[in-house]
Structures are given as structure tokens and as C-alpha cells.
PDB file of N, CA and C in Angstrom:
ATOM      1  N   UNK A   1      12.500   5.166  57.010  1.00  0.00           N
ATOM      2  CA  UNK A   1      11.392   5.672  56.295  1.00  0.00           C
ATOM      3  C   UNK A   1      11.978   6.674  55.243  1.00  0.00           C
ATOM      4  N   UNK A   2      13.216   7.187  55.181  1.00  0.00           N
ATOM      5  CA  UNK A   2      13.854   7.700  53.893  1.00  0.00           C
ATOM      6  C   UNK A   2      13.943   6.720  52.905  1.00  0.00           C
ATOM      7  N   UNK A   3      14.589   5.787  53.430  1.00  0.00           N
ATOM      8  CA  UNK A   3      14.948   4.453  52.518  1.00  0.00           C
ATOM      9  C   UNK A   3      13.546   4.291  51.867  1.00  0.00           C
ATOM     10  N   UNK A   4      12.538   3.862  52.192  1.00  0.00           N
ATOM     11  CA  UNK A   4      11.390   3.304  51.302  1.00  0.00           C
ATOM     12  C   UNK A   4      11.058   4.974  50.628  1.00  0.00           C
ATOM     13  N   UNK A   5      11.188   6.004  50.951  1.00  0.00           N
ATOM     14  CA  UNK A   5      10.523   7.503  49.944  1.00  0.00           C
ATOM     15  C   UNK A   5      11.176   6.931  49.148  1.00  0.00           C
ATOM     16  N   UNK A   6      12.944   6.734  49.252  1.00  0.00           N
ATOM     17  CA  UNK A   6      13.907   6.917  48.186  1.00  0.00           C
ATOM     18  C   UNK A   6      13.626   5.596  47.744  1.00  0.00           C
ATOM     19  N   UNK A   7      13.136   4.556  48.025  1.00  0.00           N
ATOM     20  CA  UNK A   7      13.123   3.654  46.541  1.00  0.00           C
ATOM     21  C   UNK A   7      11.884   3.714  46.097  1.00  0.00           C
ATOM     22  N   UNK A   8      10.833   4.221  46.712  1.00  0.00           N
ATOM     23  CA  UNK A   8       9.597   4.670  45.527  1.00  0.00           C
ATOM     24  C   UNK A   8       9.793   5.746  44.651  1.00  0.00           C
ATOM     25  N   UNK A   9      10.438   6.834  44.859  1.00  0.00           N
ATOM     26  CA  UNK A   9      10.863   7.894  43.884  1.00  0.00           C
ATOM     27  C   UNK A   9      11.836   7.149  42.690  1.00  0.00           C
ATOM     28  N   UNK A  10      12.259   6.181  43.267  1.00  0.00           N
ATOM     29  CA  UNK A  10      13.699   5.748  41.990  1.00  0.00           C
ATOM     30  C   UNK A  10      12.731   4.907  41.264  1.00  0.00           C
ATOM     31  N   UNK A  11      11.483   3.793  42.073  1.00  0.00           N
ATOM     32  CA  UNK A  11      10.561   3.143  41.070  1.00  0.00           C
ATOM     33  C   UNK A  11       9.927   3.743  40.030  1.00  0.00           C
ATOM     34  N   UNK A  12       9.190   5.205  40.888  1.00  0.00           N
ATOM     35  CA  UNK A  12       8.521   6.009  39.646  1.00  0.00           C
ATOM     36  C   UNK A  12       9.378   6.152  38.858  1.00  0.00           C
ATOM     37  N   UNK A  13      10.876   6.945  38.716  1.00  0.00           N
ATOM     38  CA  UNK A  13      11.338   7.500  37.971  1.00  0.00           C
ATOM     39  C   UNK A  13      11.609   6.043  37.062  1.00  0.00           C
ATOM     40  N   UNK A  14      12.160   5.175  37.234  1.00  0.00           N
ATOM     41  CA  UNK A  14      11.913   3.841  36.127  1.00  0.00           C
ATOM     42  C   UNK A  14      11.073   3.575  35.378  1.00  0.00           C
ATOM     43  N   UNK A  15       9.646   3.781  35.990  1.00  0.00           N
ATOM     44  CA  UNK A  15       8.168   3.452  35.474  1.00  0.00           C
ATOM     45  C   UNK A  15       8.009   4.754  34.543  1.00  0.00           C
ATOM     46  N   UNK A  16       8.330   5.847  34.887  1.00  0.00           N
ATOM     47  CA  UNK A  16       8.593   6.864  33.703  1.00  0.00           C
ATOM     48  C   UNK A  16       9.288   7.301  32.614  1.00  0.00           C
ATOM     49  N   UNK A  17      10.543   6.147  33.321  1.00  0.00           N
ATOM     50  CA  UNK A  17      11.414   6.646  31.920  1.00  0.00           C
ATOM     51  C   UNK A  17      10.931   5.366  30.726  1.00  0.00           C
ATOM     52  N   UNK A  18      10.657   3.831  31.517  1.00  0.00           N
ATOM     53  CA  UNK A  18       9.965   2.870  30.625  1.00  0.00           C
ATOM     54  C   UNK A  18       8.818   3.150  29.989  1.00  0.00           C
ATOM     55  N   UNK A  19       7.673   4.323  30.639  1.00  0.00           N
ATOM     56  CA  UNK A  19       6.899   4.628  29.876  1.00  0.00           C
ATOM     57  C   UNK A  19       7.074   5.372  28.694  1.00  0.00           C
ATOM     58  N   UNK A  20       7.988   6.753  29.125  1.00  0.00           N
ATOM     59  CA  UNK A  20       8.321   7.718  27.539  1.00  0.00           C
ATOM     60  C   UNK A  20       8.703   6.700  26.593  1.00  0.00           C
ATOM     61  N   UNK A  21       9.961   5.737  26.865  1.00  0.00           N
ATOM     62  CA  UNK A  21      10.111   4.424  25.851  1.00  0.00           C
ATOM     63  C   UNK A  21       9.258   4.096  25.188  1.00  0.00           C
ATOM     64  N   UNK A  22       8.216   3.284  25.872  1.00  0.00           N
ATOM     65  CA  UNK A  22       7.140   2.886  25.280  1.00  0.00           C
ATOM     66  C   UNK A  22       6.329   3.852  24.574  1.00  0.00           C
ATOM     67  N   UNK A  23       6.138   5.011  24.993  1.00  0.00           N
ATOM     68  CA  UNK A  23       5.112   6.080  23.935  1.00  0.00           C
ATOM     69  C   UNK A  23       5.985   6.402  22.769  1.00  0.00           C
ATOM     70  N   UNK A  24       7.313   6.408  23.185  1.00  0.00           N
ATOM     71  CA  UNK A  24       7.830   6.814  21.893  1.00  0.00           C
ATOM     72  C   UNK A  24       7.780   5.657  20.951  1.00  0.00           C
ATOM     73  N   UNK A  25       7.841   4.329  21.497  1.00  0.00           N
ATOM     74  CA  UNK A  25       7.610   3.275  20.336  1.00  0.00           C
ATOM     75  C   UNK A  25       6.401   2.803  20.047  1.00  0.00           C
ATOM     76  N   UNK A  26       5.291   3.251  20.362  1.00  0.00           N
ATOM     77  CA  UNK A  26       3.772   3.701  19.893  1.00  0.00           C
ATOM     78  C   UNK A  26       3.574   4.373  19.037  1.00  0.00           C
ATOM     79  N   UNK A  27       4.325   5.874  19.074  1.00  0.00           N
ATOM     80  CA  UNK A  27       3.958   6.688  18.408  1.00  0.00           C
ATOM     81  C   UNK A  27       4.471   6.281  17.231  1.00  0.00           C
ATOM     82  N   UNK A  28       5.773   5.928  16.912  1.00  0.00           N
ATOM     83  CA  UNK A  28       6.553   5.202  15.769  1.00  0.00           C
ATOM     84  C   UNK A  28       5.621   4.125  15.010  1.00  0.00           C
ATOM     85  N   UNK A  29       4.967   3.059  16.001  1.00  0.00           N
ATOM     86  CA  UNK A  29       4.067   2.378  15.245  1.00  0.00           C
ATOM     87  C   UNK A  29       2.468   2.946  14.636  1.00  0.00           C
ATOM     88  N   UNK A  30       2.385   3.949  15.544  1.00  0.00           N
ATOM     89  CA  UNK A  30       1.600   4.473  14.588  1.00  0.00           C
ATOM     90  C   UNK A  30       1.503   5.225  13.524  1.00  0.00           C
ATOM     91  N   UNK A  31       2.510   5.691  13.307  1.00  0.00           N
ATOM     92  CA  UNK A  31       3.050   6.704  11.740  1.00  0.00           C
ATOM     93  C   UNK A  31       3.709   5.307  10.779  1.00  0.00           C
ATOM     94  N   UNK A  32       3.721   4.173  11.583  1.00  0.00           N
ATOM     95  CA  UNK A  32       4.086   3.138  10.525  1.00  0.00           C
ATOM     96  C   UNK A  32       3.024   2.461  10.313  1.00  0.00           C
ATOM     97  N   UNK A  33       1.777   2.406  10.600  1.00  0.00           N
ATOM     98  CA  UNK A  33       0.562   2.167  10.530  1.00  0.00           C
ATOM     99  C   UNK A  33      -0.223   3.020   9.706  1.00  0.00           C
ATOM    100  N   UNK A  34       0.153   4.108   9.922  1.00  0.00           N
ATOM    101  CA  UNK A  34      -0.633   5.022   8.892  1.00  0.00           C
ATOM    102  C   UNK A  34       0.462   5.009   7.337  1.00  0.00           C
ATOM    103  N   UNK A  35       1.267   4.957   7.340  1.00  0.00           N
ATOM    104  CA  UNK A  35       2.083   4.980   6.017  1.00  0.00           C
ATOM    105  C   UNK A  35       1.572   3.521   5.084  1.00  0.00           C
ATOM    106  N   UNK A  36       1.864   2.454   6.467  1.00  0.00           N
ATOM    107  CA  UNK A  36       0.882   1.248   5.738  1.00  0.00           C
ATOM    108  C   UNK A  36      -0.397   1.447   4.708  1.00  0.00           C
ATOM    109  N   UNK A  37      -1.229   2.143   5.418  1.00  0.00           N
ATOM    110  CA  UNK A  37      -2.573   2.300   5.064  1.00  0.00           C
ATOM    111  C   UNK A  37      -2.220   3.194   3.816  1.00  0.00           C
ATOM    112  N   UNK A  38      -1.563   4.006   3.724  1.00  0.00           N
ATOM    113  CA  UNK A  38      -1.357   4.884   2.737  1.00  0.00           C
ATOM    114  C   UNK A  38      -0.734   4.043   1.299  1.00  0.00           C
ATOM    115  N   UNK A  39      -0.075   3.297   1.811  1.00  0.00           N
ATOM    116  CA  UNK A  39       0.545   2.645   0.518  1.00  0.00           C
ATOM    117  C   UNK A  39      -0.427   1.113   0.437  1.00  0.00           C
ATOM    118  N   UNK A  40      -1.397   0.693   1.383  1.00  0.00           N
ATOM    119  CA  UNK A  40      -2.451   0.012   1.006  1.00  0.00           C
ATOM    120  C   UNK A  40      -3.354   0.596  -0.157  1.00  0.00           C
ATOM    121  N   UNK A  41      -3.615   1.839  -0.002  1.00  0.00           N
ATOM    122  CA  UNK A  41      -4.890   2.978  -0.493  1.00  0.00           C
ATOM    123  C   UNK A  41      -4.029   3.167  -2.209  1.00  0.00           C
ATOM    124  N   UNK A  42      -2.471   3.436  -2.219  1.00  0.00           N
ATOM    125  CA  UNK A  42      -2.081   3.398  -3.348  1.00  0.00           C
ATOM    126  C   UNK A  42      -1.895   2.212  -4.217  1.00  0.00           C
ATOM    127  N   UNK A  43      -1.922   0.934  -3.243  1.00  0.00           N
ATOM    128  CA  UNK A  43      -1.817  -0.489  -4.243  1.00  0.00           C
ATOM    129  C   UNK A  43      -3.458  -0.770  -4.752  1.00  0.00           C
ATOM    130  N   UNK A  44      -4.344  -0.592  -3.785  1.00  0.00           N
ATOM    131  CA  UNK A  44      -5.436  -0.295  -4.228  1.00  0.00           C
ATOM    132  C   UNK A  44      -5.895   0.444  -5.929  1.00  0.00           C
ATOM    133  N   UNK A  45      -5.539   1.573  -5.570  1.00  0.00           N
ATOM    134  CA  UNK A  45      -5.592   2.516  -6.773  1.00  0.00           C
ATOM    135  C   UNK A  45      -4.722   2.064  -8.340  1.00  0.00           C
ATOM    136  N   UNK A  46      -3.603   1.912  -7.708  1.00  0.00           N
ATOM    137  CA  UNK A  46      -2.599   0.771  -9.075  1.00  0.00           C
ATOM    138  C   UNK A  46      -3.774  -0.448  -9.409  1.00  0.00           C
ATOM    139  N   UNK A  47      -4.395  -0.962  -8.303  1.00  0.00           N
ATOM    140  CA  UNK A  47      -4.863  -2.731  -9.274  1.00  0.00           C
ATOM    141  C   UNK A  47      -5.956  -1.989  -9.921  1.00  0.00           C
ATOM    142  N   UNK A  48      -6.478  -0.868  -9.755  1.00  0.00           N
ATOM    143  CA  UNK A  48      -7.518  -0.794 -10.157  1.00  0.00           C
ATOM    144  C   UNK A  48      -7.438   0.197 -11.784  1.00  0.00           C
ATOM    145  N   UNK A  49      -6.304   0.614 -11.966  1.00  0.00           N
ATOM    146  CA  UNK A  49      -5.603   1.305 -13.285  1.00  0.00           C
ATOM    147  C   UNK A  49      -5.317  -0.026 -13.855  1.00  0.00           C
ATOM    148  N   UNK A  50      -4.625  -1.119 -13.323  1.00  0.00           N
ATOM    149  CA  UNK A  50      -4.200  -2.252 -14.442  1.00  0.00           C
ATOM    150  C   UNK A  50      -5.364  -3.299 -14.473  1.00  0.00           C
ATOM    151  N   UNK A  51      -6.643  -3.025 -13.983  1.00  0.00           N
ATOM    152  CA  UNK A  51      -8.040  -3.806 -14.469  1.00  0.00           C
ATOM    153  C   UNK A  51      -8.082  -2.739 -15.715  1.00  0.00           C
ATOM    154  N   UNK A  52      -8.143  -1.547 -15.323  1.00  0.00           N
ATOM    155  CA  UNK A  52      -8.666  -0.754 -16.594  1.00  0.00           C
ATOM    156  C   UNK A  52      -7.550  -0.609 -17.813  1.00  0.00           C
ATOM    157  N   UNK A  53      -6.769  -1.085 -17.633  1.00  0.00           N
ATOM    158  CA  UNK A  53      -5.520  -0.929 -18.560  1.00  0.00           C
ATOM    159  C   UNK A  53      -5.681  -2.401 -19.229  1.00  0.00           C
ATOM    160  N   UNK A  54      -5.638  -3.176 -18.221  1.00  0.00           N
ATOM    161  CA  UNK A  54      -5.955  -4.574 -19.231  1.00  0.00           C
ATOM    162  C   UNK A  54      -7.346  -5.086 -20.211  1.00  0.00           C
ATOM    163  N   UNK A  55      -8.789  -4.103 -19.745  1.00  0.00           N
ATOM    164  CA  UNK A  55      -9.358  -4.040 -20.691  1.00  0.00           C
ATOM    165  C   UNK A  55      -9.434  -3.000 -21.705  1.00  0.00           C
ATOM    166  N   UNK A  56      -8.470  -2.288 -21.431  1.00  0.00           N
ATOM    167  CA  UNK A  56      -8.670  -1.493 -22.807  1.00  0.00           C
ATOM    168  C   UNK A  56      -7.366  -2.761 -23.793  1.00  0.00           C
ATOM    169  N   UNK A  57      -6.716  -3.390 -23.407  1.00  0.00           N
ATOM    170  CA  UNK A  57      -5.679  -3.749 -24.142  1.00  0.00           C
ATOM    171  C   UNK A  57      -6.632  -5.056 -24.290  1.00  0.00           C
ATOM    172  N   UNK A  58      -7.306  -5.650 -23.921  1.00  0.00           N
ATOM    173  CA  UNK A  58      -8.552  -6.360 -24.857  1.00  0.00           C
ATOM    174  C   UNK A  58      -9.288  -5.834 -26.061  1.00  0.00           C
ATOM    175  N   UNK A  59      -9.533  -4.969 -25.843  1.00  0.00           N
ATOM    176  CA  UNK A  59     -10.383  -4.201 -26.771  1.00  0.00           C
ATOM    177  C   UNK A  59      -9.826  -3.883 -28.028  1.00  0.00           C
ATOM    178  N   UNK A  60      -8.484  -3.213 -27.357  1.00  0.00           N
ATOM    179  CA  UNK A  60      -7.370  -3.203 -28.694  1.00  0.00           C
ATOM    180  C   UNK A  60      -7.305  -4.539 -29.437  1.00  0.00           C
ATOM    181  N   UNK A  61      -6.816  -5.223 -28.642  1.00  0.00           N
ATOM    182  CA  UNK A  61      -6.362  -6.938 -29.204  1.00  0.00           C
ATOM    183  C   UNK A  61      -7.827  -7.079 -30.003  1.00  0.00           C
ATOM    184  N   UNK A  62      -9.046  -6.985 -29.676  1.00  0.00           N
ATOM    185  CA  UNK A  62     -10.239  -7.437 -30.492  1.00  0.00           C
ATOM    186  C   UNK A  62     -10.396  -6.230 -31.613  1.00  0.00           C
ATOM    187  N   UNK A  63     -10.048  -5.083 -31.562  1.00  0.00           N
ATOM    188  CA  UNK A  63     -10.000  -4.419 -32.782  1.00  0.00           C
ATOM    189  C   UNK A  63      -8.663  -4.868 -33.858  1.00  0.00           C
ATOM    190  N   UNK A  64      -7.787  -4.938 -33.385  1.00  0.00           N
ATOM    191  CA  UNK A  64      -7.274  -5.935 -34.038  1.00  0.00           C
ATOM    192  C   UNK A  64      -7.817  -6.660 -34.992  1.00  0.00           C
ATOM    193  N   UNK A  65      -7.616  -7.807 -34.457  1.00  0.00           N
ATOM    194  CA  UNK A  65      -8.421  -8.767 -34.772  1.00  0.00           C
ATOM    195  C   UNK A  65      -9.646  -8.759 -36.069  1.00  0.00           C
ATOM    196  N   UNK A  66     -10.459  -8.018 -35.547  1.00  0.00           N
ATOM    197  CA  UNK A  66     -11.436  -7.743 -36.260  1.00  0.00           C
ATOM    198  C   UNK A  66     -10.793  -7.199 -37.898  1.00  0.00           C
ATOM    199  N   UNK A  67      -9.763  -6.115 -37.570  1.00  0.00           N
ATOM    200  CA  UNK A  67      -9.104  -5.475 -38.968  1.00  0.00           C
ATOM    201  C   UNK A  67      -8.315  -6.285 -39.489  1.00  0.00           C
ATOM    202  N   UNK A  68      -7.923  -7.414 -39.088  1.00  0.00           N
ATOM    203  CA  UNK A  68      -7.248  -8.529 -39.786  1.00  0.00           C
ATOM    204  C   UNK A  68      -8.291  -8.948 -40.438  1.00  0.00           C
ATOM    205  N   UNK A  69      -9.261  -9.490 -39.767  1.00  0.00           N
ATOM    206  CA  UNK A  69     -10.091 -10.211 -40.713  1.00  0.00           C
ATOM    207  C   UNK A  69     -10.576  -9.522 -41.794  1.00  0.00           C
ATOM    208  N   UNK A  70     -10.766  -8.349 -41.874  1.00  0.00           N
ATOM    209  CA  UNK A  70     -11.316  -7.134 -42.618  1.00  0.00           C
ATOM    210  C   UNK A  70     -10.333  -6.671 -43.557  1.00  0.00           C
ATOM    211  N   UNK A  71      -9.268  -7.373 -43.580  1.00  0.00           N
ATOM    212  CA  UNK A  71      -7.848  -6.732 -44.465  1.00  0.00           C
ATOM    213  C   UNK A  71      -7.623  -8.532 -45.610  1.00  0.00           C
ATOM    214  N   UNK A  72      -8.224  -9.206 -44.340  1.00  0.00           N
ATOM    215  CA  UNK A  72      -7.929 -10.858 -45.098  1.00  0.00           C
ATOM    216  C   UNK A  72      -8.951 -10.928 -46.160  1.00  0.00           C
ATOM    217  N   UNK A  73     -10.196 -10.123 -46.182  1.00  0.00           N
ATOM    218  CA  UNK A  73     -11.398 -10.022 -46.987  1.00  0.00           C
ATOM    219  C   UNK A  73     -11.518  -9.357 -48.337  1.00  0.00           C
ATOM    220  N   UNK A  74     -10.154  -8.225 -47.938  1.00  0.00           N
ATOM    221  CA  UNK A  74     -10.041  -7.564 -49.348  1.00  0.00           C
ATOM    222  C   UNK A  74      -9.750  -8.060 -50.327  1.00  0.00           C
ATOM    223  N   UNK A  75     -10.119  -8.136 -51.521  1.00  0.00           N
ATOM    224  CA  UNK A  75      -9.619  -8.806 -52.797  1.00  0.00           C
ATOM    225  C   UNK A  75      -7.847  -8.637 -53.184  1.00  0.00           C
ATOM    226  N   UNK A  76      -7.539  -7.206 -52.715  1.00  0.00           N
ATOM    227  CA  UNK A  76      -6.046  -7.224 -53.379  1.00  0.00           C
ATOM    228  C   UNK A  76      -5.143  -7.838 -51.998  1.00  0.00           C
ATOM    229  N   UNK A  77      -5.470  -8.628 -50.973  1.00  0.00           N
ATOM    230  CA  UNK A  77      -4.876  -9.237 -50.070  1.00  0.00           C
ATOM    231  C   UNK A  77      -4.822 -11.176 -50.246  1.00  0.00           C
ATOM    232  N   UNK A  78      -5.943 -11.081 -51.373  1.00  0.00           N
ATOM    233  CA  UNK A  78      -5.744 -12.443 -51.242  1.00  0.00           C
ATOM    234  C   UNK A  78      -4.694 -13.041 -52.290  1.00  0.00           C
ATOM    235  N   UNK A  79      -4.393 -14.518 -51.876  1.00  0.00           N
ATOM    236  CA  UNK A  79      -3.151 -15.030 -52.844  1.00  0.00           C
ATOM    237  C   UNK A  79      -3.552 -16.201 -53.659  1.00  0.00           C
TER     238      UNK A  79
END
């Protein structure tokens, strides 16, 4: 009878140790998931900023082309 009790106690201890390790790994995975979500949000913000910058560059390029056309139309710059 005592042998069966000892086997059950050892089994419970082994399962408890495995459970603690598993919970530790799950906590690490949860933290990693939170970091990934934060990086994803940061990446989305950077992408939005890049799109705004691209639009600004296009506007500046259009203005530069317009200024070149105006400068080319000036009588002093004709050759």
C-alpha cells in the first residue's frame, strides 16, 4: 500500500514540476507575443510615415518641375 502512495506522490511531483516549467514557457511566449504586437504596431506607424513622406516627396518634385518650367520660360534664361 505504501508503495502505491509513494508512486502516486512521485508522479504528482513530476507532473507538478513539468507544469511549472510549462507555465514558465507559456509566460515567455506571452511576453514574446506582446513584443511582437508592439513591433507590429511600430511597423504600421513607420509604414504610415513612409507613405506620408512619399507623398511629400512627390509634391516637392512636382513643385521643382514647375519651377524649372517657370525658369525656362524667363527671357533671361533663353539661349
